[in-house]
Amino acid sequence: MASAENSLRLLVEKWLAPTPATPVRVTRFTRTRSKRRRYVRVEAVGPAGSLAIFFFRHDDGTWRVFPAESERAAMSVS
């Protein structure tokens, strides 16, 4: 389950610092083609222009600004 430190709301506030002058909005939310992992695109529009960041949902339920690593093939000895 996602902890409060990695909630999507707190990450948006940390990375985009929304204010009344620079509001943020979700412009896309969907799943990736491979592995069907969730991601959200959040955009802030202000006087200097727009800034968009993608947030990715990890298997442990947390949101991060980088995608989860794909599982890699591994060999082991029995």
C-alpha atoms as a PDB file:
ATOM      1  CA  MET A   1       0.000   0.000   0.000  1.00  0.00           C
ATOM      2  CA  ALA A   2       1.240   3.478  -0.808  1.00  0.00           C
ATOM      3  CA  SER A   3       2.657   5.463   2.059  1.00  0.00           C
ATOM      4  CA  ALA A   4       1.794   9.110   2.582  1.00  0.00           C
ATOM      5  CA  GLU A   5       5.353  10.105   1.634  1.00  0.00           C
ATOM      6  CA  ASN A   6       4.880   8.742  -1.887  1.00  0.00           C
ATOM      7  CA  SER A   7       1.292   9.767  -2.593  1.00  0.00           C
ATOM      8  CA  LEU A   8       0.636  11.272  -5.988  1.00  0.00           C
ATOM      9  CA  ARG A   9      -0.678  14.491  -4.443  1.00  0.00           C
ATOM     10  CA  LEU A  10       2.486  15.072  -2.390  1.00  0.00           C
ATOM     11  CA  LEU A  11       4.739  14.342  -5.363  1.00  0.00           C
ATOM     12  CA  VAL A  12       2.806  16.807  -7.537  1.00  0.00           C
ATOM     13  CA  GLU A  13       3.139  19.449  -4.820  1.00  0.00           C
ATOM     14  CA  LYS A  14       6.859  18.699  -4.438  1.00  0.00           C
ATOM     15  CA  TRP A  15       7.758  18.731  -8.148  1.00  0.00           C
ATOM     16  CA  LEU A  16       5.315  21.303  -9.562  1.00  0.00           C
ATOM     17  CA  ALA A  17       4.500  23.512  -6.520  1.00  0.00           C
ATOM     18  CA  PRO A  18       0.994  24.492  -7.625  1.00  0.00           C
ATOM     19  CA  THR A  19      -0.333  27.949  -6.742  1.00  0.00           C
ATOM     20  CA  PRO A  20      -3.406  29.899  -7.842  1.00  0.00           C
ATOM     21  CA  ALA A  21      -1.195  31.567 -10.471  1.00  0.00           C
ATOM     22  CA  THR A  22       0.201  28.225 -11.703  1.00  0.00           C
ATOM     23  CA  PRO A  23      -2.499  25.581 -11.325  1.00  0.00           C
ATOM     24  CA  VAL A  24      -1.847  21.944 -12.195  1.00  0.00           C
ATOM     25  CA  ARG A  25      -4.075  19.488 -14.003  1.00  0.00           C
ATOM     26  CA  VAL A  26      -3.964  15.851 -15.003  1.00  0.00           C
ATOM     27  CA  THR A  27      -3.696  15.729 -18.781  1.00  0.00           C
ATOM     28  CA  ARG A  28      -3.382  11.953 -19.224  1.00  0.00           C
ATOM     29  CA  PHE A  29      -3.731   8.811 -17.172  1.00  0.00           C
ATOM     30  CA  THR A  30      -3.477   5.346 -18.598  1.00  0.00           C
ATOM     31  CA  ARG A  31      -1.377   2.193 -18.610  1.00  0.00           C
ATOM     32  CA  THR A  32       1.785   1.406 -20.516  1.00  0.00           C
ATOM     33  CA  ARG A  33       1.573  -1.118 -23.340  1.00  0.00           C
ATOM     34  CA  SER A  34       4.128  -3.403 -21.795  1.00  0.00           C
ATOM     35  CA  LYS A  35       3.225  -4.812 -18.376  1.00  0.00           C
ATOM     36  CA  ARG A  36       0.153  -2.517 -18.222  1.00  0.00           C
ATOM     37  CA  ARG A  37       1.772  -0.284 -15.588  1.00  0.00           C
ATOM     38  CA  ARG A  38      -0.091   2.896 -14.647  1.00  0.00           C
ATOM     39  CA  TYR A  39       1.172   6.392 -15.271  1.00  0.00           C
ATOM     40  CA  VAL A  40      -0.198   9.918 -14.981  1.00  0.00           C
ATOM     41  CA  ARG A  41       0.854  13.066 -16.859  1.00  0.00           C
ATOM     42  CA  VAL A  42       0.439  16.233 -14.781  1.00  0.00           C
ATOM     43  CA  GLU A  43       0.900  19.685 -16.295  1.00  0.00           C
ATOM     44  CA  ALA A  44       1.444  23.091 -14.684  1.00  0.00           C
ATOM     45  CA  VAL A  45       0.754  26.184 -16.769  1.00  0.00           C
ATOM     46  CA  GLY A  46       2.156  29.523 -15.685  1.00  0.00           C
ATOM     47  CA  PRO A  47       3.374  32.833 -17.089  1.00  0.00           C
ATOM     48  CA  ALA A  48       6.696  31.276 -18.137  1.00  0.00           C
ATOM     49  CA  GLY A  49       4.986  28.476 -20.076  1.00  0.00           C
ATOM     50  CA  SER A  50       3.977  24.932 -19.321  1.00  0.00           C
ATOM     51  CA  LEU A  51       5.775  22.091 -17.576  1.00  0.00           C
ATOM     52  CA  ALA A  52       4.626  18.475 -17.631  1.00  0.00           C
ATOM     53  CA  ILE A  53       5.864  15.539 -15.572  1.00  0.00           C
ATOM     54  CA  PHE A  54       4.985  11.860 -15.828  1.00  0.00           C
ATOM     55  CA  PHE A  55       4.436   9.945 -12.583  1.00  0.00           C
ATOM     56  CA  PHE A  56       4.633   6.144 -12.612  1.00  0.00           C
ATOM     57  CA  ARG A  57       2.899   3.712 -10.241  1.00  0.00           C
ATOM     58  CA  HIS A  58       5.228   1.006  -8.901  1.00  0.00           C
ATOM     59  CA  ASP A  59       4.290  -2.516  -7.831  1.00  0.00           C
ATOM     60  CA  ASP A  60       4.498  -1.557  -4.141  1.00  0.00           C
ATOM     61  CA  GLY A  61       1.797   1.089  -4.685  1.00  0.00           C
ATOM     62  CA  THR A  62       4.054   4.140  -4.584  1.00  0.00           C
ATOM     63  CA  TRP A  63       4.246   6.865  -7.248  1.00  0.00           C
ATOM     64  CA  ARG A  64       7.605   7.993  -8.610  1.00  0.00           C
ATOM     65  CA  VAL A  65       8.942  10.168 -11.425  1.00  0.00           C
ATOM     66  CA  PHE A  66      10.760   7.221 -13.010  1.00  0.00           C
ATOM     67  CA  PRO A  67       9.222   4.004 -14.345  1.00  0.00           C
ATOM     68  CA  ALA A  68       9.601   0.729 -12.498  1.00  0.00           C
ATOM     69  CA  GLU A  69      12.386  -1.531 -13.697  1.00  0.00           C
ATOM     70  CA  SER A  70      11.353  -4.441 -15.828  1.00  0.00           C
ATOM     71  CA  GLU A  71      11.917  -7.855 -14.379  1.00  0.00           C
ATOM     72  CA  ARG A  72      15.036  -9.367 -15.813  1.00  0.00           C
ATOM     73  CA  ALA A  73      15.796 -12.970 -16.481  1.00  0.00           C
ATOM     74  CA  ALA A  74      17.924 -14.485 -13.758  1.00  0.00           C
ATOM     75  CA  MET A  75      19.706 -17.777 -13.304  1.00  0.00           C
ATOM     76  CA  SER A  76      20.152 -19.573 -10.033  1.00  0.00           C
ATOM     77  CA  VAL A  77      21.786 -22.722  -8.798  1.00  0.00           C
ATOM     78  CA  SER A  78      19.668 -25.263  -6.935  1.00  0.00           C
END
